[in-house]
Amino acid sequence: MASSAACAMLRAHGIPYRVLGPERRENRMKKGRESRFSLAANYLREVRRQPMLSREEERALAARSRAGDHAASNRLVLSHLRFVIKIARTYRSFGLPMADLVQAGTVGLIQAVRRFNPERDTRLSTYAMWWIRASIQEHVVRSWSVVRVSTTAAQKALFLHLRKFRADIAEGADALGDEVAHNLSRHFGLPLRDVLSTAGRVARSDWSLNAPAGARGQGEEVREDWIDHVRDERPTPEEAVAQASEAHFFRDAIGRAMQALDAREQVIIRRRYMDEAKTTFAALAAELGLSKERVRQLEAIALDKLRGALMPRFGSGIGL
């Protein structure tokens, strides 16, 4: 029920409003559910109205479709949508909306129509079945978790296999047992760690970080969400300022210490330690006209000079 203050605010701004009682709100929600059910029923009814094609009609439409006739392609898709719905129903146990499963299956059907060769002695329904199932399975695996659980065909097959026995592994991957896990590893040709990782993802659903984790203190009015327990790895503003100040101090000290080196030693230190890619002794030797051993000796001499210049400010922990 809208509060009197909210009603007054709406009235003051000339905004029309209606306050619905519990019974009116329930009726509106019921009508919304009935509307969704009505849309689904109308869709199924329209699919059933599409006539089945004979083998000759299918071959003729497929030939026109391969020649670029979009109307023929649409006719083939519409006449086979009943197979999409039939296959999609077998995946309802995964907890995904039926409309999403049908949509994914339709994508597979469209791919099948594009690739179907009418010259081969097979019906489109048989050929498309594999494309429809593969597209729905891809959608199921991709939608199961925000964490990607599968990449290869073998991993997807393992996921779908384990999903059938989700109740048996509800306590986690350890519930599989060593023997079963090793058998699955051999059967699907996957490392044991992949089997255990996939089983762990199947056993546990995702949790929202905004879900309540409990209440603090004695009262229930102060609620904590899971996100409140997630540690922020970024530095605090104070730490960021301290790190920037320390980096500036160190760069200044290095710059002053570099002045104690001669020109060749500075080139060697900069190219060996300050460039993004470390230059090899051979490249420096060719550039400076020296032997690799001489470059190595000059580097050692330069590092000793830097240590001597930096030791008074940083002590023995300079790390050069």
C-alpha atoms as a PDB file:
ATOM      1  CA  MET A   1       0.000   0.000   0.000  1.00  0.00           C
ATOM      2  CA  ALA A   2       1.361   3.417  -0.937  1.00  0.00           C
ATOM      3  CA  SER A   3       2.141   5.685   2.004  1.00  0.00           C
ATOM      4  CA  SER A   4       0.251   8.953   2.503  1.00  0.00           C
ATOM      5  CA  ALA A   5       3.515  10.906   2.032  1.00  0.00           C
ATOM      6  CA  ALA A   6       4.153   9.232  -1.319  1.00  0.00           C
ATOM      7  CA  CYS A   7       0.574   9.897  -2.414  1.00  0.00           C
ATOM      8  CA  ALA A   8       0.904  13.559  -1.428  1.00  0.00           C
ATOM      9  CA  MET A   9       4.157  13.850  -3.401  1.00  0.00           C
ATOM     10  CA  LEU A  10       2.548  12.396  -6.521  1.00  0.00           C
ATOM     11  CA  ARG A  11      -0.486  14.656  -6.137  1.00  0.00           C
ATOM     12  CA  ALA A  12       1.733  17.730  -5.709  1.00  0.00           C
ATOM     13  CA  HIS A  13       3.503  17.018  -9.025  1.00  0.00           C
ATOM     14  CA  GLY A  14       0.253  16.339 -10.827  1.00  0.00           C
ATOM     15  CA  ILE A  15       1.183  12.685 -11.449  1.00  0.00           C
ATOM     16  CA  PRO A  16      -1.839  10.372 -11.706  1.00  0.00           C
ATOM     17  CA  TYR A  17      -1.697   7.304  -9.520  1.00  0.00           C
ATOM     18  CA  ARG A  18      -3.827   4.474  -8.241  1.00  0.00           C
ATOM     19  CA  VAL A  19      -3.491   2.638  -4.991  1.00  0.00           C
ATOM     20  CA  LEU A  20      -4.136  -1.048  -5.552  1.00  0.00           C
ATOM     21  CA  GLY A  21      -5.354  -3.176  -2.720  1.00  0.00           C
ATOM     22  CA  PRO A  22      -3.977  -6.692  -2.157  1.00  0.00           C
ATOM     23  CA  GLU A  23      -6.796  -8.277  -4.140  1.00  0.00           C
ATOM     24  CA  ARG A  24      -6.275  -5.955  -7.120  1.00  0.00           C
ATOM     25  CA  ARG A  25      -2.521  -6.564  -7.088  1.00  0.00           C
ATOM     26  CA  GLU A  26      -3.051 -10.336  -6.980  1.00  0.00           C
ATOM     27  CA  ASN A  27      -5.495 -10.132  -9.893  1.00  0.00           C
ATOM     28  CA  ARG A  28      -2.985  -8.103 -11.928  1.00  0.00           C
ATOM     29  CA  MET A  29      -0.202 -10.625 -11.248  1.00  0.00           C
ATOM     30  CA  LYS A  30      -2.549 -13.467 -12.163  1.00  0.00           C
ATOM     31  CA  LYS A  31      -3.412 -11.773 -15.446  1.00  0.00           C
ATOM     32  CA  GLY A  32       0.298 -11.391 -16.198  1.00  0.00           C
ATOM     33  CA  ARG A  33       0.903 -15.095 -15.640  1.00  0.00           C
ATOM     34  CA  GLU A  34      -2.117 -15.969 -17.749  1.00  0.00           C
ATOM     35  CA  SER A  35      -0.838 -13.661 -20.489  1.00  0.00           C
ATOM     36  CA  ARG A  36       2.538 -15.444 -20.560  1.00  0.00           C
ATOM     37  CA  PHE A  37       0.841 -18.839 -20.624  1.00  0.00           C
ATOM     38  CA  SER A  38      -1.428 -17.582 -23.408  1.00  0.00           C
ATOM     39  CA  LEU A  39       1.555 -16.456 -25.497  1.00  0.00           C
ATOM     40  CA  ALA A  40       3.228 -19.834 -25.068  1.00  0.00           C
ATOM     41  CA  ALA A  41       0.032 -21.644 -25.958  1.00  0.00           C
ATOM     42  CA  ASN A  42      -0.444 -19.487 -29.053  1.00  0.00           C
ATOM     43  CA  TYR A  43       3.143 -20.189 -30.126  1.00  0.00           C
ATOM     44  CA  LEU A  44       2.691 -23.936 -29.764  1.00  0.00           C
ATOM     45  CA  ARG A  45      -0.589 -23.738 -31.612  1.00  0.00           C
ATOM     46  CA  GLU A  46       1.033 -21.859 -34.510  1.00  0.00           C
ATOM     47  CA  VAL A  47       3.868 -24.402 -34.662  1.00  0.00           C
ATOM     48  CA  ARG A  48       1.415 -27.288 -34.839  1.00  0.00           C
ATOM     49  CA  ARG A  49      -0.420 -25.578 -37.680  1.00  0.00           C
ATOM     50  CA  GLN A  50       2.667 -25.724 -39.874  1.00  0.00           C
ATOM     51  CA  PRO A  51       2.198 -28.658 -42.251  1.00  0.00           C
ATOM     52  CA  MET A  52       4.656 -31.521 -42.385  1.00  0.00           C
ATOM     53  CA  LEU A  53       6.589 -31.729 -45.620  1.00  0.00           C
ATOM     54  CA  SER A  54       6.797 -34.728 -47.847  1.00  0.00           C
ATOM     55  CA  ARG A  55      10.215 -35.947 -48.966  1.00  0.00           C
ATOM     56  CA  GLU A  56       9.687 -34.417 -52.412  1.00  0.00           C
ATOM     57  CA  GLU A  57       8.595 -31.040 -51.004  1.00  0.00           C
ATOM     58  CA  GLU A  58      11.535 -31.032 -48.624  1.00  0.00           C
ATOM     59  CA  ARG A  59      14.060 -31.769 -51.374  1.00  0.00           C
ATOM     60  CA  ALA A  60      12.603 -29.050 -53.594  1.00  0.00           C
ATOM     61  CA  LEU A  61      12.618 -26.449 -50.807  1.00  0.00           C
ATOM     62  CA  ALA A  62      16.143 -27.430 -49.753  1.00  0.00           C
ATOM     63  CA  ALA A  63      17.395 -27.027 -53.329  1.00  0.00           C
ATOM     64  CA  ARG A  64      15.828 -23.562 -53.507  1.00  0.00           C
ATOM     65  CA  SER A  65      17.256 -22.708 -50.098  1.00  0.00           C
ATOM     66  CA  ARG A  66      20.796 -23.643 -51.195  1.00  0.00           C
ATOM     67  CA  ALA A  67      20.280 -21.368 -54.214  1.00  0.00           C
ATOM     68  CA  GLY A  68      19.582 -18.422 -51.908  1.00  0.00           C
ATOM     69  CA  ASP A  69      15.769 -18.515 -51.659  1.00  0.00           C
ATOM     70  CA  HIS A  70      15.056 -17.136 -48.154  1.00  0.00           C
ATOM     71  CA  ALA A  71      11.358 -17.951 -48.398  1.00  0.00           C
ATOM     72  CA  ALA A  72      12.211 -21.626 -48.915  1.00  0.00           C
ATOM     73  CA  SER A  73      14.593 -21.533 -45.945  1.00  0.00           C
ATOM     74  CA  ASN A  74      11.886 -20.015 -43.746  1.00  0.00           C
ATOM     75  CA  ARG A  75       9.416 -22.671 -44.845  1.00  0.00           C
ATOM     76  CA  LEU A  76      11.871 -25.431 -43.899  1.00  0.00           C
ATOM     77  CA  VAL A  77      12.524 -23.861 -40.496  1.00  0.00           C
ATOM     78  CA  LEU A  78       8.849 -23.327 -39.678  1.00  0.00           C
ATOM     79  CA  SER A  79       7.892 -26.864 -40.688  1.00  0.00           C
ATOM     80  CA  HIS A  80      10.512 -28.348 -38.340  1.00  0.00           C
ATOM     81  CA  LEU A  81       9.978 -26.186 -35.245  1.00  0.00           C
ATOM     82  CA  ARG A  82       7.931 -29.002 -33.687  1.00  0.00           C
ATOM     83  CA  PHE A  83      11.158 -31.039 -33.507  1.00  0.00           C
ATOM     84  CA  VAL A  84      12.886 -28.151 -31.715  1.00  0.00           C
ATOM     85  CA  ILE A  85      10.150 -28.079 -29.069  1.00  0.00           C
ATOM     86  CA  LYS A  86      10.249 -31.855 -28.662  1.00  0.00           C
ATOM     87  CA  ILE A  87      14.028 -31.885 -28.103  1.00  0.00           C
ATOM     88  CA  ALA A  88      13.952 -28.769 -25.903  1.00  0.00           C
ATOM     89  CA  ARG A  89      11.489 -30.464 -23.526  1.00  0.00           C
ATOM     90  CA  THR A  90      14.080 -33.133 -22.729  1.00  0.00           C
ATOM     91  CA  TYR A  91      16.348 -30.421 -21.235  1.00  0.00           C
ATOM     92  CA  ARG A  92      13.779 -28.797 -18.919  1.00  0.00           C
ATOM     93  CA  SER A  93      15.348 -30.520 -15.909  1.00  0.00           C
ATOM     94  CA  PHE A  94      18.319 -28.152 -16.178  1.00  0.00           C
ATOM     95  CA  GLY A  95      16.144 -25.382 -14.771  1.00  0.00           C
ATOM     96  CA  LEU A  96      16.331 -23.038 -17.757  1.00  0.00           C
ATOM     97  CA  PRO A  97      13.261 -21.307 -19.242  1.00  0.00           C
ATOM     98  CA  MET A  98      11.615 -23.330 -21.966  1.00  0.00           C
ATOM     99  CA  ALA A  99      11.562 -20.271 -24.228  1.00  0.00           C
ATOM    100  CA  ASP A 100      15.363 -19.998 -23.989  1.00  0.00           C
ATOM    101  CA  LEU A 101      15.805 -23.669 -24.824  1.00  0.00           C
ATOM    102  CA  VAL A 102      13.504 -23.355 -27.838  1.00  0.00           C
ATOM    103  CA  GLN A 103      15.367 -20.267 -28.996  1.00  0.00           C
ATOM    104  CA  ALA A 104      18.727 -22.036 -28.739  1.00  0.00           C
ATOM    105  CA  GLY A 105      17.327 -25.055 -30.568  1.00  0.00           C
ATOM    106  CA  THR A 106      15.969 -22.829 -33.325  1.00  0.00           C
ATOM    107  CA  VAL A 107      19.453 -21.424 -33.864  1.00  0.00           C
ATOM    108  CA  GLY A 108      20.682 -24.991 -34.351  1.00  0.00           C
ATOM    109  CA  LEU A 109      17.813 -25.704 -36.764  1.00  0.00           C
ATOM    110  CA  ILE A 110      18.699 -22.654 -38.869  1.00  0.00           C
ATOM    111  CA  GLN A 111      22.304 -23.844 -39.054  1.00  0.00           C
ATOM    112  CA  ALA A 112      21.094 -27.279 -40.134  1.00  0.00           C
ATOM    113  CA  VAL A 113      18.903 -25.806 -42.883  1.00  0.00           C
ATOM    114  CA  ARG A 114      21.877 -23.829 -44.213  1.00  0.00           C
ATOM    115  CA  ARG A 115      24.094 -26.903 -44.317  1.00  0.00           C
ATOM    116  CA  PHE A 116      21.541 -29.514 -45.406  1.00  0.00           C
ATOM    117  CA  ASN A 117      22.324 -31.257 -48.691  1.00  0.00           C
ATOM    118  CA  PRO A 118      19.123 -32.538 -50.358  1.00  0.00           C
ATOM    119  CA  GLU A 119      21.146 -34.808 -52.634  1.00  0.00           C
ATOM    120  CA  ARG A 120      21.967 -37.097 -49.725  1.00  0.00           C
ATOM    121  CA  ASP A 121      19.458 -39.784 -48.878  1.00  0.00           C
ATOM    122  CA  THR A 122      18.416 -38.410 -45.481  1.00  0.00           C
ATOM    123  CA  ARG A 123      15.572 -36.309 -44.125  1.00  0.00           C
ATOM    124  CA  LEU A 124      16.135 -32.838 -42.729  1.00  0.00           C
ATOM    125  CA  SER A 125      14.578 -33.845 -39.395  1.00  0.00           C
ATOM    126  CA  THR A 126      17.240 -36.540 -38.897  1.00  0.00           C
ATOM    127  CA  TYR A 127      20.067 -34.235 -39.934  1.00  0.00           C
ATOM    128  CA  ALA A 128      18.798 -31.252 -37.931  1.00  0.00           C
ATOM    129  CA  MET A 129      18.332 -33.265 -34.741  1.00  0.00           C
ATOM    130  CA  TRP A 130      22.086 -33.213 -34.062  1.00  0.00           C
ATOM    131  CA  TRP A 131      22.382 -29.487 -34.715  1.00  0.00           C
ATOM    132  CA  ILE A 132      19.375 -28.714 -32.501  1.00  0.00           C
ATOM    133  CA  ARG A 133      20.676 -30.853 -29.648  1.00  0.00           C
ATOM    134  CA  ALA A 134      24.203 -29.426 -29.934  1.00  0.00           C
ATOM    135  CA  SER A 135      22.913 -25.843 -29.853  1.00  0.00           C
ATOM    136  CA  ILE A 136      20.721 -26.499 -26.798  1.00  0.00           C
ATOM    137  CA  GLN A 137      23.550 -28.284 -24.990  1.00  0.00           C
ATOM    138  CA  GLU A 138      25.878 -25.373 -25.723  1.00  0.00           C
ATOM    139  CA  HIS A 139      23.289 -22.997 -24.249  1.00  0.00           C
ATOM    140  CA  VAL A 140      22.801 -25.175 -21.170  1.00  0.00           C
ATOM    141  CA  VAL A 141      26.531 -25.395 -20.476  1.00  0.00           C
ATOM    142  CA  ARG A 142      27.056 -21.687 -21.105  1.00  0.00           C
ATOM    143  CA  SER A 143      24.093 -20.650 -18.939  1.00  0.00           C
ATOM    144  CA  TRP A 144      24.696 -23.014 -16.028  1.00  0.00           C
ATOM    145  CA  SER A 145      27.208 -20.759 -14.320  1.00  0.00           C
ATOM    146  CA  VAL A 146      28.841 -17.359 -14.655  1.00  0.00           C
ATOM    147  CA  VAL A 147      32.076 -19.347 -14.378  1.00  0.00           C
ATOM    148  CA  ARG A 148      32.754 -21.128 -17.651  1.00  0.00           C
ATOM    149  CA  VAL A 149      32.767 -24.824 -16.864  1.00  0.00           C
ATOM    150  CA  SER A 150      33.508 -26.372 -20.241  1.00  0.00           C
ATOM    151  CA  THR A 151      35.397 -25.651 -23.431  1.00  0.00           C
ATOM    152  CA  THR A 152      35.991 -28.856 -25.386  1.00  0.00           C
ATOM    153  CA  ALA A 153      33.425 -31.348 -26.641  1.00  0.00           C
ATOM    154  CA  ALA A 154      34.646 -33.914 -24.106  1.00  0.00           C
ATOM    155  CA  GLN A 155      34.204 -31.458 -21.221  1.00  0.00           C
ATOM    156  CA  LYS A 156      30.701 -30.568 -22.374  1.00  0.00           C
ATOM    157  CA  ALA A 157      29.799 -34.257 -22.574  1.00  0.00           C
ATOM    158  CA  LEU A 158      31.193 -34.758 -19.068  1.00  0.00           C
ATOM    159  CA  PHE A 159      29.156 -31.824 -17.754  1.00  0.00           C
ATOM    160  CA  LEU A 160      25.913 -33.149 -19.232  1.00  0.00           C
ATOM    161  CA  HIS A 161      26.686 -36.630 -17.904  1.00  0.00           C
ATOM    162  CA  LEU A 162      27.365 -35.358 -14.381  1.00  0.00           C
ATOM    163  CA  ARG A 163      24.305 -33.102 -14.450  1.00  0.00           C
ATOM    164  CA  LYS A 164      22.075 -36.175 -14.649  1.00  0.00           C
ATOM    165  CA  PHE A 165      23.486 -37.326 -11.307  1.00  0.00           C
ATOM    166  CA  ARG A 166      23.556 -33.944  -9.599  1.00  0.00           C
ATOM    167  CA  ALA A 167      21.637 -35.228  -6.575  1.00  0.00           C
ATOM    168  CA  ASP A 168      24.294 -37.893  -5.976  1.00  0.00           C
ATOM    169  CA  ILE A 169      27.137 -35.351  -5.903  1.00  0.00           C
ATOM    170  CA  ALA A 170      25.309 -32.583  -4.056  1.00  0.00           C
ATOM    171  CA  GLU A 171      27.959 -32.630  -1.343  1.00  0.00           C
ATOM    172  CA  GLY A 172      30.730 -31.837  -3.812  1.00  0.00           C
ATOM    173  CA  ALA A 173      33.284 -33.515  -6.055  1.00  0.00           C
ATOM    174  CA  ASP A 174      34.485 -35.767  -3.212  1.00  0.00           C
ATOM    175  CA  ALA A 175      31.137 -37.572  -3.320  1.00  0.00           C
ATOM    176  CA  LEU A 176      32.138 -39.077  -6.680  1.00  0.00           C
ATOM    177  CA  GLY A 177      34.668 -41.416  -5.142  1.00  0.00           C
ATOM    178  CA  ASP A 178      38.126 -42.118  -6.493  1.00  0.00           C
ATOM    179  CA  GLU A 179      37.111 -45.095  -8.626  1.00  0.00           C
ATOM    180  CA  VAL A 180      34.202 -43.318 -10.330  1.00  0.00           C
ATOM    181  CA  ALA A 181      36.312 -40.203 -10.929  1.00  0.00           C
ATOM    182  CA  HIS A 182      39.124 -42.239 -12.516  1.00  0.00           C
ATOM    183  CA  ASN A 183      36.612 -44.157 -14.670  1.00  0.00           C
ATOM    184  CA  LEU A 184      35.085 -40.895 -15.909  1.00  0.00           C
ATOM    185  CA  SER A 185      38.565 -39.553 -16.600  1.00  0.00           C
ATOM    186  CA  ARG A 186      39.381 -42.561 -18.778  1.00  0.00           C
ATOM    187  CA  HIS A 187      35.968 -42.637 -20.467  1.00  0.00           C
ATOM    188  CA  PHE A 188      35.999 -38.984 -21.534  1.00  0.00           C
ATOM    189  CA  GLY A 189      39.766 -38.766 -22.044  1.00  0.00           C
ATOM    190  CA  LEU A 190      40.148 -35.880 -19.606  1.00  0.00           C
ATOM    191  CA  PRO A 191      42.598 -35.236 -16.759  1.00  0.00           C
ATOM    192  CA  LEU A 192      41.320 -36.207 -13.317  1.00  0.00           C
ATOM    193  CA  ARG A 193      41.503 -32.578 -12.146  1.00  0.00           C
ATOM    194  CA  ASP A 194      39.066 -31.560 -14.924  1.00  0.00           C
ATOM    195  CA  VAL A 195      36.616 -34.241 -13.817  1.00  0.00           C
ATOM    196  CA  LEU A 196      36.768 -33.114 -10.187  1.00  0.00           C
ATOM    197  CA  SER A 197      36.529 -29.436 -11.134  1.00  0.00           C
ATOM    198  CA  THR A 198      33.471 -29.996 -13.336  1.00  0.00           C
ATOM    199  CA  ALA A 199      31.812 -32.130 -10.659  1.00  0.00           C
ATOM    200  CA  GLY A 200      32.344 -29.345  -8.152  1.00  0.00           C
ATOM    201  CA  ARG A 201      30.715 -26.792 -10.474  1.00  0.00           C
ATOM    202  CA  VAL A 202      27.753 -29.098 -11.141  1.00  0.00           C
ATOM    203  CA  ALA A 203      27.228 -29.792  -7.438  1.00  0.00           C
ATOM    204  CA  ARG A 204      27.056 -26.127  -6.463  1.00  0.00           C
ATOM    205  CA  SER A 205      24.947 -23.380  -7.970  1.00  0.00           C
ATOM    206  CA  ASP A 206      26.148 -19.794  -8.175  1.00  0.00           C
ATOM    207  CA  TRP A 207      25.484 -17.531  -5.198  1.00  0.00           C
ATOM    208  CA  SER A 208      24.691 -13.875  -5.607  1.00  0.00           C
ATOM    209  CA  LEU A 209      27.061 -11.560  -3.748  1.00  0.00           C
ATOM    210  CA  ASN A 210      23.999  -9.460  -2.919  1.00  0.00           C
ATOM    211  CA  ALA A 211      22.314 -12.374  -1.141  1.00  0.00           C
ATOM    212  CA  PRO A 212      21.974 -11.968   2.644  1.00  0.00           C
ATOM    213  CA  ALA A 213      24.753 -13.612   4.639  1.00  0.00           C
ATOM    214  CA  GLY A 214      23.142 -12.966   8.025  1.00  0.00           C
ATOM    215  CA  ALA A 215      22.632 -10.172  10.487  1.00  0.00           C
ATOM    216  CA  ARG A 216      25.170  -8.390  12.646  1.00  0.00           C
ATOM    217  CA  GLY A 217      24.678  -8.007  16.352  1.00  0.00           C
ATOM    218  CA  GLN A 218      21.454  -8.820  18.126  1.00  0.00           C
ATOM    219  CA  GLY A 219      18.982  -7.059  15.865  1.00  0.00           C
ATOM    220  CA  GLU A 220      17.836  -8.154  12.431  1.00  0.00           C
ATOM    221  CA  GLU A 221      17.673  -4.558  11.180  1.00  0.00           C
ATOM    222  CA  VAL A 222      21.407  -4.545  10.345  1.00  0.00           C
ATOM    223  CA  ARG A 223      21.853  -7.022   7.497  1.00  0.00           C
ATOM    224  CA  GLU A 224      25.076  -8.226   5.917  1.00  0.00           C
ATOM    225  CA  ASP A 225      25.363  -9.411   2.327  1.00  0.00           C
ATOM    226  CA  TRP A 226      28.034 -11.786   1.047  1.00  0.00           C
ATOM    227  CA  ILE A 227      29.659  -8.902  -0.787  1.00  0.00           C
ATOM    228  CA  ASP A 228      30.429  -7.343   2.604  1.00  0.00           C
ATOM    229  CA  HIS A 229      32.816 -10.251   3.262  1.00  0.00           C
ATOM    230  CA  VAL A 230      34.704  -9.914  -0.057  1.00  0.00           C
ATOM    231  CA  ARG A 231      38.109  -8.389   0.511  1.00  0.00           C
ATOM    232  CA  ASP A 232      39.081  -5.474  -1.704  1.00  0.00           C
ATOM    233  CA  GLU A 233      42.602  -6.212  -2.941  1.00  0.00           C
ATOM    234  CA  ARG A 234      43.132  -2.669  -4.167  1.00  0.00           C
ATOM    235  CA  PRO A 235      45.301  -0.408  -2.016  1.00  0.00           C
ATOM    236  CA  THR A 236      43.577   2.099   0.233  1.00  0.00           C
ATOM    237  CA  PRO A 237      43.990   5.800  -0.650  1.00  0.00           C
ATOM    238  CA  GLU A 238      46.617   6.076   2.097  1.00  0.00           C
ATOM    239  CA  GLU A 239      48.508   3.048   0.762  1.00  0.00           C
ATOM    240  CA  ALA A 240      48.334   4.372  -2.816  1.00  0.00           C
ATOM    241  CA  VAL A 241      49.814   7.719  -1.732  1.00  0.00           C
ATOM    242  CA  ALA A 242      52.552   5.948   0.234  1.00  0.00           C
ATOM    243  CA  GLN A 243      53.410   3.676  -2.720  1.00  0.00           C
ATOM    244  CA  ALA A 244      53.552   6.620  -5.132  1.00  0.00           C
ATOM    245  CA  SER A 245      55.781   8.569  -2.728  1.00  0.00           C
ATOM    246  CA  GLU A 246      58.077   5.577  -2.262  1.00  0.00           C
ATOM    247  CA  ALA A 247      58.321   4.992  -6.027  1.00  0.00           C
ATOM    248  CA  HIS A 248      59.167   8.665  -6.608  1.00  0.00           C
ATOM    249  CA  PHE A 249      61.832   8.548  -3.889  1.00  0.00           C
ATOM    250  CA  PHE A 250      63.386   5.387  -5.360  1.00  0.00           C
ATOM    251  CA  ARG A 251      63.417   6.776  -8.942  1.00  0.00           C
ATOM    252  CA  ASP A 252      65.097   9.938  -7.694  1.00  0.00           C
ATOM    253  CA  ALA A 253      67.724   7.886  -5.829  1.00  0.00           C
ATOM    254  CA  ILE A 254      68.412   5.717  -8.884  1.00  0.00           C
ATOM    255  CA  GLY A 255      68.758   8.806 -11.080  1.00  0.00           C
ATOM    256  CA  ARG A 256      71.311  10.332  -8.726  1.00  0.00           C
ATOM    257  CA  ALA A 257      73.215   7.019  -8.469  1.00  0.00           C
ATOM    258  CA  MET A 258      73.351   6.671 -12.265  1.00  0.00           C
ATOM    259  CA  GLN A 259      75.388   9.892 -12.430  1.00  0.00           C
ATOM    260  CA  ALA A 260      78.292   7.981 -10.840  1.00  0.00           C
ATOM    261  CA  LEU A 261      78.553   5.780 -13.970  1.00  0.00           C
ATOM    262  CA  ASP A 262      80.336   6.606 -17.192  1.00  0.00           C
ATOM    263  CA  ALA A 263      78.505   6.724 -20.511  1.00  0.00           C
ATOM    264  CA  ARG A 264      79.068   3.050 -21.478  1.00  0.00           C
ATOM    265  CA  GLU A 265      78.047   1.797 -18.036  1.00  0.00           C
ATOM    266  CA  GLN A 266      74.861   3.865 -18.140  1.00  0.00           C
ATOM    267  CA  VAL A 267      73.958   2.411 -21.540  1.00  0.00           C
ATOM    268  CA  ILE A 268      74.526  -1.132 -20.271  1.00  0.00           C
ATOM    269  CA  ILE A 269      72.450  -0.641 -17.087  1.00  0.00           C
ATOM    270  CA  ARG A 270      69.594   1.070 -18.917  1.00  0.00           C
ATOM    271  CA  ARG A 271      69.436  -1.552 -21.665  1.00  0.00           C
ATOM    272  CA  ARG A 272      69.828  -4.464 -19.259  1.00  0.00           C
ATOM    273  CA  TYR A 273      67.569  -3.342 -16.402  1.00  0.00           C
ATOM    274  CA  MET A 274      65.433  -0.343 -17.346  1.00  0.00           C
ATOM    275  CA  ASP A 275      64.122  -1.191 -20.824  1.00  0.00           C
ATOM    276  CA  GLU A 276      60.943  -3.211 -21.158  1.00  0.00           C
ATOM    277  CA  ALA A 277      62.862  -6.015 -22.923  1.00  0.00           C
ATOM    278  CA  LYS A 278      66.232  -6.979 -21.461  1.00  0.00           C
ATOM    279  CA  THR A 279      69.005  -6.619 -24.070  1.00  0.00           C
ATOM    280  CA  THR A 280      71.405  -9.559 -24.408  1.00  0.00           C
ATOM    281  CA  PHE A 281      75.154  -9.324 -23.880  1.00  0.00           C
ATOM    282  CA  ALA A 282      75.666 -10.237 -27.546  1.00  0.00           C
ATOM    283  CA  ALA A 283      73.469  -7.341 -28.762  1.00  0.00           C
ATOM    284  CA  LEU A 284      75.210  -4.863 -26.466  1.00  0.00           C
ATOM    285  CA  ALA A 285      78.636  -6.154 -27.518  1.00  0.00           C
ATOM    286  CA  ALA A 286      77.800  -5.564 -31.175  1.00  0.00           C
ATOM    287  CA  GLU A 287      76.387  -2.104 -30.401  1.00  0.00           C
ATOM    288  CA  LEU A 288      79.344  -0.953 -28.272  1.00  0.00           C
ATOM    289  CA  GLY A 289      82.066  -2.703 -30.276  1.00  0.00           C
ATOM    290  CA  LEU A 290      83.134  -4.847 -27.317  1.00  0.00           C
ATOM    291  CA  SER A 291      83.299  -8.534 -26.527  1.00  0.00           C
ATOM    292  CA  LYS A 292      80.466 -10.159 -24.581  1.00  0.00           C
ATOM    293  CA  GLU A 293      82.843 -10.839 -21.708  1.00  0.00           C
ATOM    294  CA  ARG A 294      83.847  -7.176 -21.543  1.00  0.00           C
ATOM    295  CA  VAL A 295      80.177  -6.121 -21.460  1.00  0.00           C
ATOM    296  CA  ARG A 296      79.609  -8.576 -18.616  1.00  0.00           C
ATOM    297  CA  GLN A 297      82.569  -7.103 -16.721  1.00  0.00           C
ATOM    298  CA  LEU A 298      81.344  -3.527 -17.232  1.00  0.00           C
ATOM    299  CA  GLU A 299      77.872  -4.526 -15.983  1.00  0.00           C
ATOM    300  CA  ALA A 300      79.384  -5.984 -12.798  1.00  0.00           C
ATOM    301  CA  ILE A 301      81.448  -2.831 -12.255  1.00  0.00           C
ATOM    302  CA  ALA A 302      78.396  -0.604 -12.810  1.00  0.00           C
ATOM    303  CA  LEU A 303      76.267  -2.608 -10.368  1.00  0.00           C
ATOM    304  CA  ASP A 304      78.983  -2.313  -7.729  1.00  0.00           C
ATOM    305  CA  LYS A 305      79.025   1.467  -8.213  1.00  0.00           C
ATOM    306  CA  LEU A 306      75.233   1.631  -7.898  1.00  0.00           C
ATOM    307  CA  ARG A 307      75.307  -0.420  -4.698  1.00  0.00           C
ATOM    308  CA  GLY A 308      77.918   1.909  -3.245  1.00  0.00           C
ATOM    309  CA  ALA A 309      75.852   4.982  -4.116  1.00  0.00           C
ATOM    310  CA  LEU A 310      72.543   3.571  -2.853  1.00  0.00           C
ATOM    311  CA  MET A 311      73.772   1.789   0.284  1.00  0.00           C
ATOM    312  CA  PRO A 312      73.819   4.901   2.489  1.00  0.00           C
ATOM    313  CA  ARG A 313      70.130   5.579   1.716  1.00  0.00           C
ATOM    314  CA  PHE A 314      68.659   2.058   1.529  1.00  0.00           C
ATOM    315  CA  GLY A 315      71.096  -0.159   3.444  1.00  0.00           C
ATOM    316  CA  SER A 316      72.031  -3.683   2.426  1.00  0.00           C
ATOM    317  CA  GLY A 317      68.514  -4.558   1.215  1.00  0.00           C
ATOM    318  CA  ILE A 318      68.843  -2.682  -2.049  1.00  0.00           C
ATOM    319  CA  GLY A 319      68.841  -5.981  -4.015  1.00  0.00           C
ATOM    320  CA  LEU A 320      71.243  -5.108  -6.834  1.00  0.00           C
END
